[in-house]
Amino acid sequence: MAPEAMRGAVEKVKASRPQAPRPGPVHESPIAVTERGSFFGYGDLAVDMRSIPRMHAATGCPVIFDGTHSVQRPGLGEGGASGGAREFIPSLTLAAVAAGADGLFLETHPDPDQAPSDGPNMIPLAELESLVRRAVAVREACRT
């Protein structure tokens, strides 16, 4: 779906919210949209970093970058399962933060090669803290 087309999806979600206040405390969470790759190029999901500011402008919602599904290789894994290219998670994640992503979604596992699902597109748990620290540094550098 094109970034600007997400406007309609957000409007549908907003329209489905109850209009009358509920009794007791109300904990409304904001609507967020996700960029995780939008088309196949050479068997890969591909991310256009321009989609992050475009989606934000179109919806007014925070944009979350899915740094692990964005490296998925549908149908190219063992036995026709989805494969992945986890070596690109850090560079795509840092690029997304520089492009204005408001948050990150990153799947992790202590040993991704032994994970029951999505292992090829997971970041090893031992590498997660370093990546998050680098992403925070990029965010701070881009916001000054």
Protein backbone atom coordinates (compact mmCIF):
# COMPACT_ATOMS: atom_id res chain seq x y z
CA MET A 1 0.00 0.00 0.00
CA ALA A 2 1.36 3.41 -0.89
CA PRO A 3 2.23 5.62 2.10
CA GLU A 4 -0.53 8.10 1.25
CA ALA A 5 -3.09 5.28 1.01
CA MET A 6 -2.57 4.60 4.72
CA ARG A 7 -4.66 7.71 5.37
CA GLY A 8 -7.78 5.70 4.55
CA ALA A 9 -6.77 2.84 6.84
CA VAL A 10 -6.17 5.26 9.71
CA GLU A 11 -9.53 6.94 9.10
CA LYS A 12 -11.27 3.53 9.28
CA VAL A 13 -9.60 2.79 12.60
CA LYS A 14 -10.55 6.21 13.96
CA ALA A 15 -14.16 5.70 12.80
CA SER A 16 -14.37 2.36 14.61
CA ARG A 17 -13.58 3.86 18.01
CA PRO A 18 -16.50 4.21 20.41
CA GLN A 19 -17.79 7.76 20.40
CA ALA A 20 -19.33 7.75 23.89
CA PRO A 21 -16.95 7.85 26.85
CA ARG A 22 -16.63 4.58 28.73
CA PRO A 23 -17.15 4.50 32.49
CA GLY A 24 -13.94 4.43 34.52
CA PRO A 25 -10.44 5.37 33.41
CA VAL A 26 -9.90 5.48 29.68
CA HIS A 27 -6.53 4.43 28.35
CA GLU A 28 -6.48 5.40 24.71
CA SER A 29 -3.43 4.39 22.80
CA PRO A 30 -2.46 6.39 19.73
CA ILE A 31 -2.72 4.86 16.29
CA ALA A 32 0.62 4.02 14.75
CA VAL A 33 1.44 2.88 11.23
CA THR A 34 4.23 0.56 10.20
CA GLU A 35 6.74 0.48 7.38
CA ARG A 36 8.02 -3.04 6.79
CA GLY A 37 8.68 -3.30 3.09
CA SER A 38 6.11 -2.93 0.41
CA PHE A 39 7.03 -4.88 -2.66
CA PHE A 40 9.22 -7.68 -3.89
CA GLY A 41 12.45 -6.95 -5.67
CA TYR A 42 14.59 -9.93 -6.61
CA GLY A 43 12.74 -12.04 -4.04
CA ASP A 44 13.21 -9.54 -1.22
CA LEU A 45 10.89 -7.18 0.56
CA ALA A 46 12.12 -3.70 -0.26
CA VAL A 47 11.86 -0.54 1.82
CA ASP A 48 11.72 2.93 0.35
CA MET A 49 12.90 5.22 3.15
CA ARG A 50 10.93 8.08 1.56
CA SER A 51 7.80 6.26 2.72
CA ILE A 52 8.49 7.13 6.36
CA PRO A 53 8.05 10.93 6.10
CA ARG A 54 5.36 10.46 3.45
CA MET A 55 3.32 8.14 5.68
CA HIS A 56 3.72 10.48 8.64
CA ALA A 57 2.56 13.46 6.57
CA ALA A 58 -0.40 11.53 5.14
CA THR A 59 -1.67 10.09 8.42
CA GLY A 60 -0.35 12.32 11.19
CA CYS A 61 0.47 9.11 13.06
CA PRO A 62 3.76 7.86 14.46
CA VAL A 63 5.58 5.62 11.98
CA ILE A 64 7.15 2.45 13.35
CA PHE A 65 9.86 0.78 11.28
CA ASP A 66 9.85 -3.01 11.30
CA GLY A 67 13.57 -3.62 10.97
CA THR A 68 13.32 -7.39 10.93
CA HIS A 69 10.43 -8.10 8.57
CA SER A 70 11.92 -5.58 6.16
CA VAL A 71 14.75 -8.06 5.46
CA GLN A 72 12.43 -11.01 4.87
CA ARG A 73 12.86 -13.08 1.71
CA PRO A 74 9.44 -14.70 1.20
CA GLY A 75 9.63 -18.25 -0.10
CA LEU A 76 13.41 -18.19 -0.44
CA GLY A 77 14.25 -20.04 2.77
CA GLU A 78 14.77 -23.71 3.43
CA GLY A 79 11.92 -25.84 2.10
CA GLY A 80 10.11 -22.82 0.66
CA ALA A 81 9.78 -21.06 4.03
CA SER A 82 10.58 -17.39 4.28
CA GLY A 83 14.24 -16.61 4.36
CA GLY A 84 15.89 -13.44 5.48
CA ALA A 85 19.01 -11.32 5.30
CA ARG A 86 19.65 -10.32 8.91
CA GLU A 87 22.96 -8.71 8.03
CA PHE A 88 20.98 -5.75 6.67
CA ILE A 89 18.91 -5.15 9.83
CA PRO A 90 21.36 -2.63 11.35
CA SER A 91 21.83 -0.48 8.24
CA LEU A 92 18.11 -0.39 7.40
CA THR A 93 17.19 0.34 11.02
CA LEU A 94 19.64 3.24 11.27
CA ALA A 95 18.50 4.60 7.90
CA ALA A 96 14.87 4.46 9.03
CA VAL A 97 15.67 6.38 12.20
CA ALA A 98 17.54 8.99 10.14
CA ALA A 99 14.53 9.19 7.80
CA GLY A 100 12.28 10.04 10.74
CA ALA A 101 10.88 6.77 12.09
CA ASP A 102 9.22 7.35 15.46
CA GLY A 103 9.80 3.84 16.77
CA LEU A 104 11.25 0.45 15.96
CA PHE A 105 9.96 -3.10 15.89
CA LEU A 106 12.79 -5.63 16.05
CA GLU A 107 12.36 -9.36 16.49
CA THR A 108 15.15 -11.01 18.43
CA HIS A 109 16.15 -14.42 19.76
CA PRO A 110 19.20 -15.70 21.66
CA ASP A 111 19.95 -18.02 18.72
CA PRO A 112 17.92 -16.97 15.66
CA ASP A 113 19.03 -20.02 13.67
CA GLN A 114 17.22 -22.17 16.23
CA ALA A 115 14.09 -19.99 16.47
CA PRO A 116 10.84 -21.78 15.57
CA SER A 117 9.80 -18.99 13.19
CA ASP A 118 11.32 -16.01 11.36
CA GLY A 119 14.86 -16.83 12.49
CA PRO A 120 16.55 -15.70 9.26
CA ASN A 121 15.17 -12.18 9.73
CA MET A 122 15.83 -11.83 13.46
CA ILE A 123 18.66 -9.98 15.12
CA PRO A 124 20.60 -12.03 17.68
CA LEU A 125 19.71 -10.92 21.21
CA ALA A 126 23.40 -10.25 21.97
CA GLU A 127 23.42 -7.59 19.20
CA LEU A 128 20.17 -5.83 20.11
CA GLU A 129 21.43 -3.44 22.80
CA SER A 130 24.23 -2.13 20.58
CA LEU A 131 21.83 -1.53 17.70
CA VAL A 132 19.33 0.29 19.91
CA ARG A 133 22.09 2.50 21.33
CA ARG A 134 23.28 3.34 17.81
CA ALA A 135 19.70 4.09 16.73
CA VAL A 136 19.23 6.44 19.68
CA ALA A 137 22.48 8.22 18.76
CA VAL A 138 21.31 8.63 15.15
CA ARG A 139 17.94 9.94 16.33
CA GLU A 140 19.61 12.48 18.62
CA ALA A 141 21.99 13.58 15.86
CA CYS A 142 19.15 14.03 13.36
CA ARG A 143 16.93 15.98 15.76
CA THR A 144 19.50 18.63 16.73
